[in-house]
Amino acid sequence: MRFLKKGDDKKGDDKKPKSQPESEPKGHPDLKVISGSQISGRQPQQQPPPQQQQPQPQSQQQNITLPNIKYKIAVASGKGGVGKSTVATNLAISLANAGGAVGLMDADAYGPSIPTMMGVQEQPKVSPERKLIPLVRHNIKLMSIGFMVPEEQAMIWRGPMLHSSIRQLLSDVEWGELDYLIIDLPPGTGDVALSLTQAIPLTGALIVTTPQDVALADVRRGVAMFERLGVPILGIIENMSYFLCPHCNEKTEIFRKDGGKNTSERFGVAFLGQIPLDAEVCTAGDLGVPIVAGHPESPQSEAFGTVAQELETVLEESGDDDELTIL
């Protein structure tokens, strides 16, 4: 793909520089998904528009079972900017600290942030069976499209390519035996969530939100999407709920109070907890050492620990994952 700079015109296309494949960024040799540079032009067979594809409940389409993973949990948000990946990362570490065997899969193909938040920038190795071996950090097995594609490469993928990449991250990875596989979805209600529910039987989904109305309105859309796909809602997590003064421990509700809790009551789902707003949470993620791993005694880490305990309670009370109530 070539972008025209200011002052260029179509005549400049007659003098194209010779291709230099050695300068192109190289991804992981065992990743079979198609890069953005390969999708210019029309495909041999056009896919029908999304509005013509009627999503079906996950039980009618899945064919990847992952029997060695007890709970497969998607972490979603109706909109971006609510700290979904931060919550997914710290929740995974909290579950591991409680004794669980945990994997964290970064399904956000457009903006994979788990490599940065977990401080991992290497590529996974390949087993003799030609499966990717998850990287391990903070006792969490990790897999992300960000490990295999150069950081500067834009992920310009159509729906079928996203579907292929999601299936690879599930079936072509040696996850081993896990108590929890936490799957960090991209924000919104797009192709990735649909592809995930078509691929595996999800135990359920967690919805991350902030207290203000603009975020809560998108929570309702997210709940409606999972309801349509037949995925149970395990609970709602309210992030950035309040600011806790580090000097006097006074709470200040910067946005609103109890927006996530009221929404959970409206839909009849569990409210798993509130995460306070603090600059240290952001700094820890940027440094690759999430707050729960770097400062386990902090109020923020304790809040994530409470959310993990509440999630465990919901799963235990629900019994087998097939018995979870669908909204």
Protein backbone atom coordinates (compact mmCIF):
# COMPACT_ATOMS: atom_id res chain seq x y z
CA MET A 1 0.00 0.00 0.00
CA ARG A 2 1.35 3.45 -0.93
CA PHE A 3 0.08 6.69 0.51
CA LEU A 4 0.29 9.92 -1.51
CA LYS A 5 2.06 12.76 0.15
CA LYS A 6 0.99 16.34 -0.25
CA GLY A 7 1.90 17.48 -3.74
CA ASP A 8 1.91 13.98 -5.24
CA ASP A 9 -0.36 13.18 -8.15
CA LYS A 10 -1.37 10.11 -10.05
CA LYS A 11 1.45 10.62 -12.57
CA GLY A 12 3.91 9.74 -9.88
CA ASP A 13 2.57 6.23 -9.92
CA ASP A 14 4.40 5.61 -13.22
CA LYS A 15 7.71 5.70 -11.39
CA LYS A 16 7.24 3.27 -8.57
CA PRO A 17 10.37 2.34 -6.65
CA LYS A 18 11.46 -1.25 -6.80
CA SER A 19 10.14 -3.36 -3.98
CA GLN A 20 12.56 -4.07 -1.16
CA PRO A 21 11.19 -7.03 0.74
CA GLU A 22 14.09 -7.00 3.16
CA SER A 23 12.90 -3.70 4.64
CA GLU A 24 9.35 -4.89 5.32
CA PRO A 25 8.46 -5.77 8.90
CA LYS A 26 8.37 -9.51 9.49
CA GLY A 27 5.83 -11.26 11.66
CA HIS A 28 5.88 -14.66 13.31
CA PRO A 29 6.70 -17.41 10.76
CA ASP A 30 3.98 -19.73 12.10
CA LEU A 31 1.18 -17.17 12.09
CA LYS A 32 -1.00 -17.97 9.09
CA VAL A 33 -3.38 -15.01 9.31
CA ILE A 34 -3.25 -12.50 6.48
CA SER A 35 -1.52 -9.17 6.99
CA GLY A 36 -3.03 -5.82 6.09
CA SER A 37 -0.74 -5.41 3.09
CA GLN A 38 -2.36 -8.44 1.44
CA ILE A 39 -5.94 -7.28 1.40
CA SER A 40 -5.89 -4.55 -1.22
CA GLY A 41 -8.19 -5.26 -4.11
CA ARG A 42 -11.22 -7.50 -4.18
CA GLN A 43 -11.39 -10.96 -2.75
CA PRO A 44 -12.29 -13.84 -5.14
CA GLN A 45 -15.56 -14.35 -3.32
CA GLN A 46 -17.19 -11.41 -1.66
CA GLN A 47 -18.53 -12.01 1.85
CA PRO A 48 -22.12 -10.93 2.47
CA PRO A 49 -22.51 -7.68 4.40
CA PRO A 50 -22.59 -8.05 8.20
CA GLN A 51 -26.24 -7.00 8.37
CA GLN A 52 -27.17 -10.03 6.22
CA GLN A 53 -25.46 -12.51 8.55
CA GLN A 54 -27.78 -13.50 11.36
CA PRO A 55 -25.74 -14.43 14.46
CA GLN A 56 -26.80 -17.65 16.11
CA PRO A 57 -26.42 -18.72 19.75
CA GLN A 58 -22.94 -20.02 20.47
CA SER A 59 -24.18 -23.55 21.20
CA GLN A 60 -25.20 -23.96 17.54
CA GLN A 61 -21.87 -23.03 15.96
CA GLN A 62 -18.86 -23.73 18.22
CA ASN A 63 -16.44 -26.53 17.35
CA ILE A 64 -13.33 -25.77 19.46
CA THR A 65 -13.93 -27.31 22.87
CA LEU A 66 -10.69 -26.73 24.87
CA PRO A 67 -11.60 -29.44 27.40
CA ASN A 68 -8.57 -28.73 29.61
CA ILE A 69 -9.77 -25.21 30.39
CA LYS A 70 -12.45 -25.04 33.06
CA TYR A 71 -13.72 -21.48 32.66
CA LYS A 72 -13.49 -19.47 29.44
CA ILE A 73 -14.37 -15.86 30.25
CA ALA A 74 -14.60 -12.92 27.86
CA VAL A 75 -13.91 -9.42 29.19
CA ALA A 76 -15.81 -6.83 27.16
CA SER A 77 -16.87 -3.21 27.16
CA GLY A 78 -19.45 -1.33 25.18
CA LYS A 79 -16.99 1.46 24.38
CA GLY A 80 -13.29 2.18 24.50
CA GLY A 81 -11.49 4.13 27.19
CA VAL A 82 -13.01 2.42 30.23
CA GLY A 83 -9.87 0.46 31.18
CA LYS A 84 -11.06 -2.95 29.97
CA SER A 85 -7.57 -4.32 29.25
CA THR A 86 -6.28 -2.99 32.56
CA VAL A 87 -9.10 -4.80 34.34
CA ALA A 88 -8.54 -8.02 32.38
CA THR A 89 -4.81 -8.00 33.13
CA ASN A 90 -5.09 -7.31 36.85
CA LEU A 91 -8.03 -9.68 37.24
CA ALA A 92 -5.98 -12.48 35.68
CA ILE A 93 -3.11 -11.86 38.11
CA SER A 94 -5.52 -11.70 41.06
CA LEU A 95 -6.98 -15.08 40.08
CA ALA A 96 -3.47 -16.51 39.80
CA ASN A 97 -2.53 -15.08 43.21
CA ALA A 98 -5.54 -16.91 44.63
CA GLY A 99 -4.10 -20.21 43.39
CA GLY A 100 -5.69 -20.53 39.96
CA ALA A 101 -3.97 -21.62 36.76
CA VAL A 102 -4.68 -18.70 34.45
CA GLY A 103 -4.23 -17.85 30.80
CA LEU A 104 -4.75 -14.42 29.25
CA MET A 105 -5.60 -14.17 25.56
CA ASP A 106 -5.47 -10.79 23.84
CA ALA A 107 -8.23 -10.91 21.22
CA ASP A 108 -8.04 -7.20 20.40
CA ALA A 109 -6.52 -7.53 16.94
CA TYR A 110 -6.83 -3.82 16.19
CA GLY A 111 -5.06 -2.58 19.32
CA PRO A 112 -3.34 -5.37 21.28
CA SER A 113 -2.21 -3.89 24.59
CA ILE A 114 -1.46 -7.00 26.67
CA PRO A 115 2.19 -7.18 25.46
CA THR A 116 2.83 -3.69 26.81
CA MET A 117 0.87 -4.12 30.03
CA MET A 118 2.58 -7.43 30.82
CA GLY A 119 6.03 -6.27 29.74
CA VAL A 120 6.53 -8.89 27.03
CA GLN A 121 7.85 -8.02 23.57
CA GLU A 122 9.24 -11.36 22.39
CA GLN A 123 7.76 -13.89 20.00
CA PRO A 124 6.38 -17.24 21.21
CA LYS A 125 8.21 -20.44 20.36
CA VAL A 126 6.70 -23.33 18.43
CA SER A 127 6.32 -26.87 19.78
CA PRO A 128 7.24 -30.01 17.78
CA GLU A 129 3.49 -30.35 17.12
CA ARG A 130 3.61 -26.93 15.41
CA LYS A 131 1.61 -25.21 18.11
CA LEU A 132 2.47 -21.87 19.66
CA ILE A 133 3.78 -22.02 23.22
CA PRO A 134 2.33 -19.22 25.39
CA LEU A 135 4.72 -16.78 26.97
CA VAL A 136 4.58 -16.63 30.76
CA ARG A 137 4.75 -13.50 32.89
CA HIS A 138 3.53 -12.98 36.47
CA ASN A 139 2.45 -16.66 36.50
CA ILE A 140 0.04 -16.03 33.60
CA LYS A 141 0.16 -17.83 30.25
CA LEU A 142 -0.06 -15.15 27.58
CA MET A 143 -0.95 -15.09 23.91
CA SER A 144 -1.54 -12.02 21.77
CA ILE A 145 -1.52 -11.13 18.10
CA GLY A 146 0.79 -8.34 19.25
CA PHE A 147 3.54 -10.88 19.93
CA MET A 148 3.66 -11.91 16.28
CA VAL A 149 3.07 -8.73 14.33
CA PRO A 150 5.44 -5.74 14.42
CA GLU A 151 4.22 -2.99 16.71
CA GLU A 152 4.16 -0.40 13.91
CA GLN A 153 2.09 -2.55 11.53
CA ALA A 154 -1.55 -1.57 11.18
CA MET A 155 -4.04 -4.43 11.50
CA ILE A 156 -6.31 -3.74 8.52
CA TRP A 157 -8.36 -6.92 8.56
CA ARG A 158 -11.78 -7.87 7.27
CA GLY A 159 -14.16 -10.09 9.20
CA PRO A 160 -12.94 -13.45 7.81
CA MET A 161 -9.34 -12.59 8.71
CA LEU A 162 -10.33 -11.69 12.25
CA HIS A 163 -12.26 -14.95 12.50
CA SER A 164 -9.19 -16.90 11.36
CA SER A 165 -6.87 -15.17 13.83
CA ILE A 166 -9.22 -15.78 16.77
CA ARG A 167 -9.47 -19.47 15.94
CA GLN A 168 -5.68 -19.72 15.73
CA LEU A 169 -5.16 -18.11 19.12
CA LEU A 170 -7.51 -20.71 20.57
CA SER A 171 -6.80 -23.96 18.73
CA ASP A 172 -3.16 -23.50 17.64
CA VAL A 173 -1.84 -22.62 21.10
CA GLU A 174 -0.69 -25.08 23.78
CA TRP A 175 -2.75 -23.66 26.63
CA GLY A 176 -2.48 -26.81 28.71
CA GLU A 177 -4.67 -27.24 31.79
CA LEU A 178 -6.14 -23.98 33.07
CA ASP A 179 -8.72 -22.99 35.63
CA TYR A 180 -9.39 -19.71 33.80
CA LEU A 181 -8.81 -18.40 30.31
CA ILE A 182 -9.43 -14.64 30.38
CA ILE A 183 -10.10 -13.30 26.88
CA ASP A 184 -9.65 -9.56 26.39
CA LEU A 185 -12.05 -8.49 23.62
CA PRO A 186 -11.82 -5.26 21.63
CA PRO A 187 -14.31 -2.58 22.70
CA GLY A 188 -17.73 -2.45 21.10
CA THR A 189 -19.95 -5.11 19.57
CA GLY A 190 -18.10 -6.13 16.44
CA ASP A 191 -16.77 -9.17 14.56
CA VAL A 192 -14.36 -10.47 17.21
CA ALA A 193 -17.06 -11.17 19.81
CA LEU A 194 -19.12 -12.94 17.16
CA SER A 195 -16.13 -15.01 16.00
CA LEU A 196 -15.27 -15.97 19.58
CA THR A 197 -18.75 -17.21 20.41
CA GLN A 198 -18.81 -19.17 17.15
CA ALA A 199 -15.51 -20.86 18.01
CA ILE A 200 -15.77 -21.99 21.65
CA PRO A 201 -18.40 -22.47 24.36
CA LEU A 202 -17.83 -19.45 26.58
CA THR A 203 -18.55 -19.78 30.28
CA GLY A 204 -19.71 -16.19 30.23
CA ALA A 205 -18.76 -12.55 29.81
CA LEU A 206 -17.71 -9.74 32.13
CA ILE A 207 -18.71 -6.18 31.24
CA VAL A 208 -16.36 -3.34 32.24
CA THR A 209 -17.76 0.16 32.53
CA THR A 210 -17.26 3.51 34.21
CA PRO A 211 -19.95 5.24 36.29
CA GLN A 212 -21.09 7.94 33.86
CA ASP A 213 -24.17 7.68 31.63
CA VAL A 214 -22.25 7.74 28.33
CA ALA A 215 -20.50 4.48 29.28
CA LEU A 216 -23.54 2.86 30.86
CA ALA A 217 -25.57 3.34 27.68
CA ASP A 218 -22.97 1.25 25.83
CA VAL A 219 -23.08 -1.39 28.57
CA ARG A 220 -26.71 -2.00 27.68
CA ARG A 221 -25.72 -2.59 24.05
CA GLY A 222 -23.01 -5.01 25.13
CA VAL A 223 -25.44 -6.93 27.33
CA ALA A 224 -27.90 -7.09 24.44
CA MET A 225 -25.20 -8.46 22.13
CA PHE A 226 -24.23 -11.29 24.48
CA GLU A 227 -27.88 -12.03 25.14
CA ARG A 228 -28.45 -12.43 21.41
CA LEU A 229 -25.41 -14.70 21.12
CA GLY A 230 -26.53 -16.85 24.04
CA VAL A 231 -23.58 -15.95 26.30
CA PRO A 232 -24.32 -15.55 30.04
CA ILE A 233 -23.30 -12.30 31.76
CA LEU A 234 -21.20 -13.20 34.79
CA GLY A 235 -21.16 -9.68 36.15
CA ILE A 236 -20.40 -6.00 35.75
CA ILE A 237 -17.18 -4.34 36.94
CA GLU A 238 -17.13 -0.60 37.52
CA ASN A 239 -13.71 0.90 36.80
CA MET A 240 -12.55 4.42 37.78
CA SER A 241 -15.37 4.47 40.33
CA TYR A 242 -13.82 7.08 42.61
CA PHE A 243 -10.56 8.80 43.44
CA LEU A 244 -8.97 7.71 46.69
CA CYS A 245 -6.72 10.43 48.12
CA PRO A 246 -3.29 8.91 48.89
CA HIS A 247 -2.82 11.31 51.81
CA CYS A 248 -6.12 11.20 53.69
CA ASN A 249 -7.91 8.22 52.03
CA GLU A 250 -10.94 10.41 51.28
CA LYS A 251 -13.17 9.15 48.46
CA THR A 252 -14.17 11.54 45.69
CA GLU A 253 -16.68 10.42 43.05
CA ILE A 254 -15.30 12.17 39.97
CA PHE A 255 -17.91 10.88 37.54
CA ARG A 256 -21.05 9.56 39.23
CA LYS A 257 -21.88 7.24 42.08
CA ASP A 258 -23.05 3.64 41.73
CA GLY A 259 -23.77 3.81 37.99
CA GLY A 260 -22.42 0.29 37.40
CA LYS A 261 -24.20 -1.11 40.44
CA ASN A 262 -27.53 0.35 39.40
CA THR A 263 -27.10 -1.02 35.88
CA SER A 264 -26.33 -4.51 37.21
CA GLU A 265 -29.48 -4.39 39.33
CA ARG A 266 -31.51 -3.34 36.30
CA PHE A 267 -30.34 -6.39 34.33
CA GLY A 268 -30.37 -8.75 37.29
CA VAL A 269 -26.67 -9.66 37.05
CA ALA A 270 -23.95 -9.68 39.67
CA PHE A 271 -22.07 -6.50 40.50
CA LEU A 272 -18.50 -7.68 41.06
CA GLY A 273 -17.01 -4.50 42.47
CA GLN A 274 -15.57 -1.03 42.05
CA ILE A 275 -12.00 -0.17 41.05
CA PRO A 276 -10.70 3.21 42.26
CA LEU A 277 -9.11 5.68 39.88
CA ASP A 278 -5.39 6.14 40.47
CA ALA A 279 -2.43 7.26 38.35
CA GLU A 280 -0.35 4.36 39.65
CA VAL A 281 -2.59 1.88 37.83
CA CYS A 282 -1.81 3.55 34.50
CA THR A 283 1.90 3.91 35.27
CA ALA A 284 2.19 0.26 36.29
CA GLY A 285 0.60 -0.87 33.03
CA ASP A 286 2.93 1.30 30.97
CA LEU A 287 5.93 -0.17 32.76
CA GLY A 288 4.80 -3.74 32.12
CA VAL A 289 4.23 -4.56 35.80
CA PRO A 290 0.48 -4.37 36.53
CA ILE A 291 -0.51 -2.83 39.85
CA VAL A 292 -1.53 -6.18 41.36
CA ALA A 293 1.92 -7.61 40.60
CA GLY A 294 3.97 -4.52 41.47
CA HIS A 295 2.02 -3.19 44.47
CA PRO A 296 -0.08 -6.05 45.84
CA GLU A 297 -0.87 -4.18 49.09
CA SER A 298 -2.28 -1.08 47.39
CA PRO A 299 -6.01 -0.22 47.66
CA GLN A 300 -6.33 -0.74 43.91
CA SER A 301 -4.86 -4.26 44.15
CA GLU A 302 -7.20 -5.07 47.03
CA ALA A 303 -10.13 -3.92 44.87
CA PHE A 304 -9.06 -6.22 42.03
CA GLY A 305 -8.70 -9.04 44.56
CA THR A 306 -12.26 -8.43 45.72
CA VAL A 307 -13.51 -8.59 42.11
CA ALA A 308 -11.68 -11.90 41.64
CA GLN A 309 -13.26 -13.32 44.79
CA GLU A 310 -16.72 -12.22 43.68
CA LEU A 311 -16.18 -13.82 40.28
CA GLU A 312 -15.13 -17.09 41.90
CA THR A 313 -18.28 -16.98 44.02
CA VAL A 314 -20.49 -16.44 40.96
CA LEU A 315 -18.87 -19.38 39.16
CA GLU A 316 -19.12 -21.68 42.19
CA GLU A 317 -22.77 -20.83 42.81
CA SER A 318 -23.57 -21.38 39.16
CA GLY A 319 -22.11 -24.88 39.23
CA ASP A 320 -21.33 -26.34 35.83
CA ASP A 321 -20.76 -23.68 33.15
CA ASP A 322 -23.69 -25.05 31.15
CA GLU A 323 -26.07 -24.15 34.01
CA LEU A 324 -25.35 -20.44 33.99
CA THR A 325 -28.45 -18.33 33.46
CA ILE A 326 -28.67 -16.49 30.15
CA LEU A 327 -30.31 -13.08 30.24
